[in-house]
Amino acid sequence: NALVLARCIKLNRTTFDDYRRQLQLIRYRGGV
């Protein structure tokens, strides 16, 4: 969560859907 939030903040993509996309990217192989 700390990593995902930080990436969102740096990318200036700060909606809850943005968070969920980034979380999926990081948590799953190839983001899928």
PDB file of all heavy atoms in Angstrom:
ATOM      1  N   ASN A   1       0.819  -1.211   0.000  1.00  0.00           N
ATOM      2  CA  ASN A   1       0.000   0.000   0.000  1.00  0.00           C
ATOM      3  C   ASN A   1       0.854   1.262   0.000  1.00  0.00           C
ATOM      4  O   ASN A   1       0.540   2.231  -0.702  1.00  0.00           O
ATOM      5  CB  ASN A   1      -0.937  -0.006   1.211  1.00  0.00           C
ATOM      6  CG  ASN A   1      -2.255  -0.678   0.913  1.00  0.00           C
ATOM      7  OD1 ASN A   1      -3.089  -0.140   0.200  1.00  0.00           O
ATOM      8  ND2 ASN A   1      -2.448  -1.872   1.445  1.00  0.00           N
ATOM      9  N   ALA A   2       1.923   1.263   0.783  1.00  0.00           N
ATOM     10  CA  ALA A   2       2.807   2.432   0.806  1.00  0.00           C
ATOM     11  C   ALA A   2       3.405   2.673  -0.577  1.00  0.00           C
ATOM     12  O   ALA A   2       3.484   3.818  -1.051  1.00  0.00           O
ATOM     13  CB  ALA A   2       3.911   2.234   1.847  1.00  0.00           C
ATOM     14  N   LEU A   3       3.810   1.609  -1.238  1.00  0.00           N
ATOM     15  CA  LEU A   3       4.402   1.705  -2.571  1.00  0.00           C
ATOM     16  C   LEU A   3       3.382   2.163  -3.606  1.00  0.00           C
ATOM     17  O   LEU A   3       3.656   3.050  -4.429  1.00  0.00           O
ATOM     18  CB  LEU A   3       4.979   0.346  -2.960  1.00  0.00           C
ATOM     19  CG  LEU A   3       5.549   0.198  -4.375  1.00  0.00           C
ATOM     20  CD1 LEU A   3       6.740   1.125  -4.579  1.00  0.00           C
ATOM     21  CD2 LEU A   3       5.952  -1.257  -4.631  1.00  0.00           C
ATOM     22  N   VAL A   4       2.204   1.568  -3.578  1.00  0.00           N
ATOM     23  CA  VAL A   4       1.153   1.913  -4.547  1.00  0.00           C
ATOM     24  C   VAL A   4       0.742   3.372  -4.387  1.00  0.00           C
ATOM     25  O   VAL A   4       0.640   4.120  -5.364  1.00  0.00           O
ATOM     26  CB  VAL A   4      -0.055   0.977  -4.375  1.00  0.00           C
ATOM     27  CG1 VAL A   4      -1.276   1.523  -5.117  1.00  0.00           C
ATOM     28  CG2 VAL A   4       0.265  -0.414  -4.892  1.00  0.00           C
ATOM     29  N   LEU A   5       0.507   3.792  -3.166  1.00  0.00           N
ATOM     30  CA  LEU A   5       0.126   5.187  -2.925  1.00  0.00           C
ATOM     31  C   LEU A   5       1.212   6.142  -3.412  1.00  0.00           C
ATOM     32  O   LEU A   5       0.915   7.174  -4.026  1.00  0.00           O
ATOM     33  CB  LEU A   5      -0.132   5.402  -1.432  1.00  0.00           C
ATOM     34  CG  LEU A   5      -1.459   4.869  -0.905  1.00  0.00           C
ATOM     35  CD1 LEU A   5      -1.445   4.823   0.619  1.00  0.00           C
ATOM     36  CD2 LEU A   5      -2.619   5.703  -1.405  1.00  0.00           C
ATOM     37  N   ALA A   6       2.464   5.791  -3.119  1.00  0.00           N
ATOM     38  CA  ALA A   6       3.576   6.662  -3.524  1.00  0.00           C
ATOM     39  C   ALA A   6       3.636   6.795  -5.041  1.00  0.00           C
ATOM     40  O   ALA A   6       3.846   7.893  -5.578  1.00  0.00           O
ATOM     41  CB  ALA A   6       4.892   6.120  -2.984  1.00  0.00           C
ATOM     42  N   ARG A   7       3.460   5.687  -5.761  1.00  0.00           N
ATOM     43  CA  ARG A   7       3.497   5.743  -7.215  1.00  0.00           C
ATOM     44  C   ARG A   7       2.340   6.585  -7.748  1.00  0.00           C
ATOM     45  O   ARG A   7       2.515   7.357  -8.702  1.00  0.00           O
ATOM     46  CB  ARG A   7       3.459   4.328  -7.789  1.00  0.00           C
ATOM     47  CG  ARG A   7       4.780   3.592  -7.637  1.00  0.00           C
ATOM     48  CD  ARG A   7       4.686   2.147  -8.101  1.00  0.00           C
ATOM     49  NE  ARG A   7       4.315   2.051  -9.510  1.00  0.00           N
ATOM     50  CZ  ARG A   7       5.176   2.135 -10.525  1.00  0.00           C
ATOM     51  NH1 ARG A   7       6.461   2.336 -10.282  1.00  0.00           N
ATOM     52  NH2 ARG A   7       4.759   2.013 -11.776  1.00  0.00           N
ATOM     53  N   CYS A   8       1.185   6.453  -7.161  1.00  0.00           N
ATOM     54  CA  CYS A   8       0.043   7.263  -7.590  1.00  0.00           C
ATOM     55  C   CYS A   8       0.312   8.752  -7.405  1.00  0.00           C
ATOM     56  O   CYS A   8      -0.003   9.570  -8.263  1.00  0.00           O
ATOM     57  CB  CYS A   8      -1.198   6.881  -6.796  1.00  0.00           C
ATOM     58  SG  CYS A   8      -1.839   5.258  -7.179  1.00  0.00           S
ATOM     59  N   ILE A   9       0.880   9.065  -6.246  1.00  0.00           N
ATOM     60  CA  ILE A   9       1.164  10.466  -5.935  1.00  0.00           C
ATOM     61  C   ILE A   9       2.177  11.036  -6.925  1.00  0.00           C
ATOM     62  O   ILE A   9       1.998  12.146  -7.444  1.00  0.00           O
ATOM     63  CB  ILE A   9       1.675  10.580  -4.483  1.00  0.00           C
ATOM     64  CG1 ILE A   9       0.528  10.276  -3.508  1.00  0.00           C
ATOM     65  CG2 ILE A   9       2.266  11.970  -4.216  1.00  0.00           C
ATOM     66  CD1 ILE A   9       0.999   9.953  -2.105  1.00  0.00           C
ATOM     67  N   LYS A  10       3.231  10.283  -7.192  1.00  0.00           N
ATOM     68  CA  LYS A  10       4.251  10.753  -8.127  1.00  0.00           C
ATOM     69  C   LYS A  10       3.704  10.891  -9.543  1.00  0.00           C
ATOM     70  O   LYS A  10       4.108  11.781 -10.294  1.00  0.00           O
ATOM     71  CB  LYS A  10       5.438   9.788  -8.112  1.00  0.00           C
ATOM     72  CG  LYS A  10       6.225   9.778  -6.806  1.00  0.00           C
ATOM     73  CD  LYS A  10       6.968  11.077  -6.565  1.00  0.00           C
ATOM     74  CE  LYS A  10       8.074  11.269  -7.581  1.00  0.00           C
ATOM     75  NZ  LYS A  10       8.851  12.512  -7.344  1.00  0.00           N
ATOM     76  N   LEU A  11       2.777  10.001  -9.928  1.00  0.00           N
ATOM     77  CA  LEU A  11       2.183  10.038 -11.267  1.00  0.00           C
ATOM     78  C   LEU A  11       1.051  11.054 -11.371  1.00  0.00           C
ATOM     79  O   LEU A  11       0.536  11.311 -12.462  1.00  0.00           O
ATOM     80  CB  LEU A  11       1.648   8.648 -11.636  1.00  0.00           C
ATOM     81  CG  LEU A  11       2.706   7.576 -11.918  1.00  0.00           C
ATOM     82  CD1 LEU A  11       2.092   6.189 -11.857  1.00  0.00           C
ATOM     83  CD2 LEU A  11       3.350   7.810 -13.276  1.00  0.00           C
ATOM     84  N   ASN A  12       0.658  11.630 -10.224  1.00  0.00           N
ATOM     85  CA  ASN A  12      -0.483  12.551 -10.168  1.00  0.00           C
ATOM     86  C   ASN A  12      -1.753  11.893 -10.701  1.00  0.00           C
ATOM     87  O   ASN A  12      -2.546  12.516 -11.392  1.00  0.00           O
ATOM     88  CB  ASN A  12      -0.175  13.851 -10.936  1.00  0.00           C
ATOM     89  CG  ASN A  12      -1.148  14.961 -10.573  1.00  0.00           C
ATOM     90  OD1 ASN A  12      -1.679  14.992  -9.451  1.00  0.00           O
ATOM     91  ND2 ASN A  12      -1.404  15.867 -11.503  1.00  0.00           N
ATOM     92  N   ARG A  13      -1.916  10.639 -10.364  1.00  0.00           N
ATOM     93  CA  ARG A  13      -3.133   9.894 -10.692  1.00  0.00           C
ATOM     94  C   ARG A  13      -3.702   9.420  -9.363  1.00  0.00           C
ATOM     95  O   ARG A  13      -3.287   8.396  -8.832  1.00  0.00           O
ATOM     96  CB  ARG A  13      -2.825   8.730 -11.630  1.00  0.00           C
ATOM     97  CG  ARG A  13      -2.292   9.180 -12.987  1.00  0.00           C
ATOM     98  CD  ARG A  13      -2.074   7.990 -13.903  1.00  0.00           C
ATOM     99  NE  ARG A  13      -1.531   8.393 -15.197  1.00  0.00           N
ATOM    100  CZ  ARG A  13      -2.260   8.767 -16.236  1.00  0.00           C
ATOM    101  NH1 ARG A  13      -3.578   8.812 -16.130  1.00  0.00           N
ATOM    102  NH2 ARG A  13      -1.684   9.116 -17.370  1.00  0.00           N
ATOM    103  N   THR A  14      -4.651  10.197  -8.855  1.00  0.00           N
ATOM    104  CA  THR A  14      -5.042  10.022  -7.458  1.00  0.00           C
ATOM    105  C   THR A  14      -6.533   9.795  -7.265  1.00  0.00           C
ATOM    106  O   THR A  14      -7.156  10.349  -6.369  1.00  0.00           O
ATOM    107  CB  THR A  14      -4.577  11.238  -6.629  1.00  0.00           C
ATOM    108  OG1 THR A  14      -5.084  12.439  -7.226  1.00  0.00           O
ATOM    109  CG2 THR A  14      -3.063  11.305  -6.562  1.00  0.00           C
ATOM    110  N   THR A  15      -7.116   8.965  -8.119  1.00  0.00           N
ATOM    111  CA  THR A  15      -8.486   8.515  -7.866  1.00  0.00           C
ATOM    112  C   THR A  15      -8.416   7.097  -7.295  1.00  0.00           C
ATOM    113  O   THR A  15      -7.387   6.414  -7.389  1.00  0.00           O
ATOM    114  CB  THR A  15      -9.331   8.486  -9.142  1.00  0.00           C
ATOM    115  OG1 THR A  15      -8.848   7.435 -10.005  1.00  0.00           O
ATOM    116  CG2 THR A  15      -9.262   9.821  -9.879  1.00  0.00           C
ATOM    117  N   PHE A  16      -9.514   6.654  -6.733  1.00  0.00           N
ATOM    118  CA  PHE A  16      -9.550   5.305  -6.173  1.00  0.00           C
ATOM    119  C   PHE A  16      -9.378   4.252  -7.266  1.00  0.00           C
ATOM    120  O   PHE A  16      -8.740   3.215  -7.056  1.00  0.00           O
ATOM    121  CB  PHE A  16     -10.870   5.102  -5.430  1.00  0.00           C
ATOM    122  CG  PHE A  16     -10.907   3.851  -4.593  1.00  0.00           C
ATOM    123  CD1 PHE A  16      -9.919   3.584  -3.659  1.00  0.00           C
ATOM    124  CD2 PHE A  16     -11.951   2.944  -4.745  1.00  0.00           C
ATOM    125  CE1 PHE A  16      -9.964   2.434  -2.879  1.00  0.00           C
ATOM    126  CE2 PHE A  16     -11.998   1.793  -3.978  1.00  0.00           C
ATOM    127  CZ  PHE A  16     -11.009   1.530  -3.040  1.00  0.00           C
ATOM    128  N   ASP A  17      -9.911   4.518  -8.450  1.00  0.00           N
ATOM    129  CA  ASP A  17      -9.714   3.595  -9.565  1.00  0.00           C
ATOM    130  C   ASP A  17      -8.243   3.539  -9.974  1.00  0.00           C
ATOM    131  O   ASP A  17      -7.731   2.472 -10.326  1.00  0.00           O
ATOM    132  CB  ASP A  17     -10.574   4.002 -10.769  1.00  0.00           C
ATOM    133  CG  ASP A  17     -12.026   3.601 -10.604  1.00  0.00           C
ATOM    134  OD1 ASP A  17     -12.305   2.724  -9.748  1.00  0.00           O
ATOM    135  OD2 ASP A  17     -12.881   4.151 -11.317  1.00  0.00           O
ATOM    136  N   ASP A  18      -7.555   4.686  -9.940  1.00  0.00           N
ATOM    137  CA  ASP A  18      -6.121   4.694 -10.229  1.00  0.00           C
ATOM    138  C   ASP A  18      -5.384   3.798  -9.235  1.00  0.00           C
ATOM    139  O   ASP A  18      -4.502   3.020  -9.609  1.00  0.00           O
ATOM    140  CB  ASP A  18      -5.551   6.111 -10.121  1.00  0.00           C
ATOM    141  CG  ASP A  18      -5.984   7.011 -11.263  1.00  0.00           C
ATOM    142  OD1 ASP A  18      -6.189   6.495 -12.375  1.00  0.00           O
ATOM    143  OD2 ASP A  18      -6.101   8.225 -11.030  1.00  0.00           O
ATOM    144  N   TYR A  19      -5.744   3.935  -7.975  1.00  0.00           N
ATOM    145  CA  TYR A  19      -5.135   3.116  -6.929  1.00  0.00           C
ATOM    146  C   TYR A  19      -5.344   1.626  -7.207  1.00  0.00           C
ATOM    147  O   TYR A  19      -4.423   0.814  -7.113  1.00  0.00           O
ATOM    148  CB  TYR A  19      -5.729   3.486  -5.569  1.00  0.00           C
ATOM    149  CG  TYR A  19      -5.495   2.432  -4.531  1.00  0.00           C
ATOM    150  CD1 TYR A  19      -4.252   2.274  -3.914  1.00  0.00           C
ATOM    151  CD2 TYR A  19      -6.512   1.543  -4.177  1.00  0.00           C
ATOM    152  CE1 TYR A  19      -4.035   1.278  -2.982  1.00  0.00           C
ATOM    153  CE2 TYR A  19      -6.300   0.544  -3.246  1.00  0.00           C
ATOM    154  CZ  TYR A  19      -5.062   0.421  -2.656  1.00  0.00           C
ATOM    155  OH  TYR A  19      -4.846  -0.579  -1.739  1.00  0.00           O
ATOM    156  N   ARG A  20      -6.543   1.245  -7.563  1.00  0.00           N
ATOM    157  CA  ARG A  20      -6.862  -0.156  -7.807  1.00  0.00           C
ATOM    158  C   ARG A  20      -6.076  -0.698  -9.007  1.00  0.00           C
ATOM    159  O   ARG A  20      -5.602  -1.834  -8.988  1.00  0.00           O
ATOM    160  CB  ARG A  20      -8.368  -0.331  -8.002  1.00  0.00           C
ATOM    161  CG  ARG A  20      -9.184  -0.068  -6.739  1.00  0.00           C
ATOM    162  CD  ARG A  20     -10.690  -0.089  -6.999  1.00  0.00           C
ATOM    163  NE  ARG A  20     -11.124  -1.402  -7.437  1.00  0.00           N
ATOM    164  CZ  ARG A  20     -11.738  -1.642  -8.591  1.00  0.00           C
ATOM    165  NH1 ARG A  20     -11.975  -0.650  -9.437  1.00  0.00           N
ATOM    166  NH2 ARG A  20     -12.113  -2.855  -8.905  1.00  0.00           N
ATOM    167  N   ARG A  21      -5.935   0.125 -10.042  1.00  0.00           N
ATOM    168  CA  ARG A  21      -5.151  -0.313 -11.205  1.00  0.00           C
ATOM    169  C   ARG A  21      -3.689  -0.548 -10.823  1.00  0.00           C
ATOM    170  O   ARG A  21      -3.065  -1.524 -11.226  1.00  0.00           O
ATOM    171  CB  ARG A  21      -5.239   0.724 -12.323  1.00  0.00           C
ATOM    172  CG  ARG A  21      -6.610   0.826 -12.977  1.00  0.00           C
ATOM    173  CD  ARG A  21      -6.565   1.726 -14.209  1.00  0.00           C
ATOM    174  NE  ARG A  21      -7.897   1.954 -14.724  1.00  0.00           N
ATOM    175  CZ  ARG A  21      -8.651   3.016 -14.466  1.00  0.00           C
ATOM    176  NH1 ARG A  21      -8.175   3.978 -13.693  1.00  0.00           N
ATOM    177  NH2 ARG A  21      -9.867   3.136 -14.971  1.00  0.00           N
ATOM    178  N   GLN A  22      -3.143   0.383 -10.047  1.00  0.00           N
ATOM    179  CA  GLN A  22      -1.744   0.254  -9.648  1.00  0.00           C
ATOM    180  C   GLN A  22      -1.551  -0.939  -8.714  1.00  0.00           C
ATOM    181  O   GLN A  22      -0.549  -1.653  -8.801  1.00  0.00           O
ATOM    182  CB  GLN A  22      -1.292   1.540  -8.960  1.00  0.00           C
ATOM    183  CG  GLN A  22       0.185   1.624  -8.700  1.00  0.00           C
ATOM    184  CD  GLN A  22       1.015   1.774  -9.957  1.00  0.00           C
ATOM    185  OE1 GLN A  22       2.076   1.168 -10.052  1.00  0.00           O
ATOM    186  NE2 GLN A  22       0.563   2.564 -10.907  1.00  0.00           N
ATOM    187  N   LEU A  23      -2.504  -1.160  -7.843  1.00  0.00           N
ATOM    188  CA  LEU A  23      -2.440  -2.294  -6.932  1.00  0.00           C
ATOM    189  C   LEU A  23      -2.439  -3.613  -7.707  1.00  0.00           C
ATOM    190  O   LEU A  23      -1.660  -4.523  -7.418  1.00  0.00           O
ATOM    191  CB  LEU A  23      -3.629  -2.250  -5.963  1.00  0.00           C
ATOM    192  CG  LEU A  23      -3.688  -3.348  -4.904  1.00  0.00           C
ATOM    193  CD1 LEU A  23      -2.494  -3.270  -3.958  1.00  0.00           C
ATOM    194  CD2 LEU A  23      -4.997  -3.239  -4.116  1.00  0.00           C
ATOM    195  N   GLN A  24      -3.303  -3.700  -8.703  1.00  0.00           N
ATOM    196  CA  GLN A  24      -3.348  -4.911  -9.530  1.00  0.00           C
ATOM    197  C   GLN A  24      -2.025  -5.104 -10.276  1.00  0.00           C
ATOM    198  O   GLN A  24      -1.496  -6.214 -10.353  1.00  0.00           O
ATOM    199  CB  GLN A  24      -4.492  -4.844 -10.535  1.00  0.00           C
ATOM    200  CG  GLN A  24      -4.544  -6.049 -11.471  1.00  0.00           C
ATOM    201  CD  GLN A  24      -5.758  -6.054 -12.367  1.00  0.00           C
ATOM    202  OE1 GLN A  24      -6.862  -5.703 -11.938  1.00  0.00           O
ATOM    203  NE2 GLN A  24      -5.582  -6.426 -13.622  1.00  0.00           N
ATOM    204  N   LEU A  25      -1.494  -4.026 -10.806  1.00  0.00           N
ATOM    205  CA  LEU A  25      -0.220  -4.103 -11.526  1.00  0.00           C
ATOM    206  C   LEU A  25       0.868  -4.720 -10.662  1.00  0.00           C
ATOM    207  O   LEU A  25       1.621  -5.591 -11.098  1.00  0.00           O
ATOM    208  CB  LEU A  25       0.213  -2.696 -11.959  1.00  0.00           C
ATOM    209  CG  LEU A  25       1.650  -2.561 -12.465  1.00  0.00           C
ATOM    210  CD1 LEU A  25       1.796  -3.198 -13.830  1.00  0.00           C
ATOM    211  CD2 LEU A  25       2.088  -1.107 -12.480  1.00  0.00           C
ATOM    212  N   ILE A  26       0.952  -4.288  -9.425  1.00  0.00           N
ATOM    213  CA  ILE A  26       2.039  -4.687  -8.546  1.00  0.00           C
ATOM    214  C   ILE A  26       1.815  -6.071  -7.939  1.00  0.00           C
ATOM    215  O   ILE A  26       2.755  -6.849  -7.794  1.00  0.00           O
ATOM    216  CB  ILE A  26       2.229  -3.615  -7.451  1.00  0.00           C
ATOM    217  CG1 ILE A  26       2.847  -2.359  -8.072  1.00  0.00           C
ATOM    218  CG2 ILE A  26       3.084  -4.124  -6.298  1.00  0.00           C
ATOM    219  CD1 ILE A  26       2.903  -1.179  -7.150  1.00  0.00           C
ATOM    220  N   ARG A  27       0.585  -6.401  -7.652  1.00  0.00           N
ATOM    221  CA  ARG A  27       0.288  -7.633  -6.914  1.00  0.00           C
ATOM    222  C   ARG A  27       0.276  -8.885  -7.787  1.00  0.00           C
ATOM    223  O   ARG A  27       0.479  -9.998  -7.286  1.00  0.00           O
ATOM    224  CB  ARG A  27      -1.062  -7.493  -6.199  1.00  0.00           C
ATOM    225  CG  ARG A  27      -1.421  -8.663  -5.303  1.00  0.00           C
ATOM    226  CD  ARG A  27      -2.766  -8.437  -4.625  1.00  0.00           C
ATOM    227  NE  ARG A  27      -2.683  -7.414  -3.596  1.00  0.00           N
ATOM    228  CZ  ARG A  27      -3.745  -6.879  -2.992  1.00  0.00           C
ATOM    229  NH1 ARG A  27      -4.960  -7.236  -3.364  1.00  0.00           N
ATOM    230  NH2 ARG A  27      -3.586  -5.973  -2.051  1.00  0.00           N
ATOM    231  N   TYR A  28       0.040  -8.720  -9.093  1.00  0.00           N
ATOM    232  CA  TYR A  28      -0.148  -9.879  -9.968  1.00  0.00           C
ATOM    233  C   TYR A  28       0.931  -9.967 -11.043  1.00  0.00           C
ATOM    234  O   TYR A  28       1.439  -8.953 -11.520  1.00  0.00           O
ATOM    235  CB  TYR A  28      -1.535  -9.821 -10.614  1.00  0.00           C
ATOM    236  CG  TYR A  28      -2.635 -10.109  -9.616  1.00  0.00           C
ATOM    237  CD1 TYR A  28      -3.225  -9.076  -8.891  1.00  0.00           C
ATOM    238  CD2 TYR A  28      -3.036 -11.414  -9.360  1.00  0.00           C
ATOM    239  CE1 TYR A  28      -4.203  -9.340  -7.940  1.00  0.00           C
ATOM    240  CE2 TYR A  28      -4.020 -11.686  -8.419  1.00  0.00           C
ATOM    241  CZ  TYR A  28      -4.588 -10.648  -7.702  1.00  0.00           C
ATOM    242  OH  TYR A  28      -5.557 -10.913  -6.763  1.00  0.00           O
ATOM    243  N   ARG A  29       1.223 -11.185 -11.438  1.00  0.00           N
ATOM    244  CA  ARG A  29       2.249 -11.443 -12.446  1.00  0.00           C
ATOM    245  C   ARG A  29       1.882 -10.750 -13.754  1.00  0.00           C
ATOM    246  O   ARG A  29       0.834 -11.010 -14.334  1.00  0.00           O
ATOM    247  CB  ARG A  29       2.407 -12.959 -12.656  1.00  0.00           C
ATOM    248  CG  ARG A  29       3.571 -13.350 -13.540  1.00  0.00           C
ATOM    249  CD  ARG A  29       3.842 -14.842 -13.478  1.00  0.00           C
ATOM    250  NE  ARG A  29       4.370 -15.209 -12.151  1.00  0.00           N
ATOM    251  CZ  ARG A  29       3.637 -15.774 -11.191  1.00  0.00           C
ATOM    252  NH1 ARG A  29       2.371 -16.082 -11.403  1.00  0.00           N
ATOM    253  NH2 ARG A  29       4.180 -16.049 -10.020  1.00  0.00           N
ATOM    254  N   GLY A  30       2.752  -9.836 -14.195  1.00  0.00           N
ATOM    255  CA  GLY A  30       2.477  -9.074 -15.401  1.00  0.00           C
ATOM    256  C   GLY A  30       1.321  -8.102 -15.251  1.00  0.00           C
ATOM    257  O   GLY A  30       0.883  -7.502 -16.231  1.00  0.00           O
ATOM    258  N   GLY A  31       0.802  -7.941 -14.034  1.00  0.00           N
ATOM    259  CA  GLY A  31      -0.329  -7.041 -13.803  1.00  0.00           C
ATOM    260  C   GLY A  31      -1.666  -7.624 -14.207  1.00  0.00           C
ATOM    261  O   GLY A  31      -2.666  -6.910 -14.231  1.00  0.00           O
ATOM    262  N   VAL A  32      -1.712  -8.927 -14.493  1.00  0.00           N
ATOM    263  CA  VAL A  32      -2.932  -9.561 -15.001  1.00  0.00           C
ATOM    264  C   VAL A  32      -3.464 -10.563 -13.984  1.00  0.00           C
ATOM    265  O   VAL A  32      -2.719 -11.433 -13.504  1.00  0.00           O
ATOM    266  CB  VAL A  32      -2.658 -10.285 -16.336  1.00  0.00           C
ATOM    267  CG1 VAL A  32      -3.922 -10.997 -16.831  1.00  0.00           C
ATOM    268  CG2 VAL A  32      -2.152  -9.292 -17.381  1.00  0.00           C
TER     269      VAL A  32
END
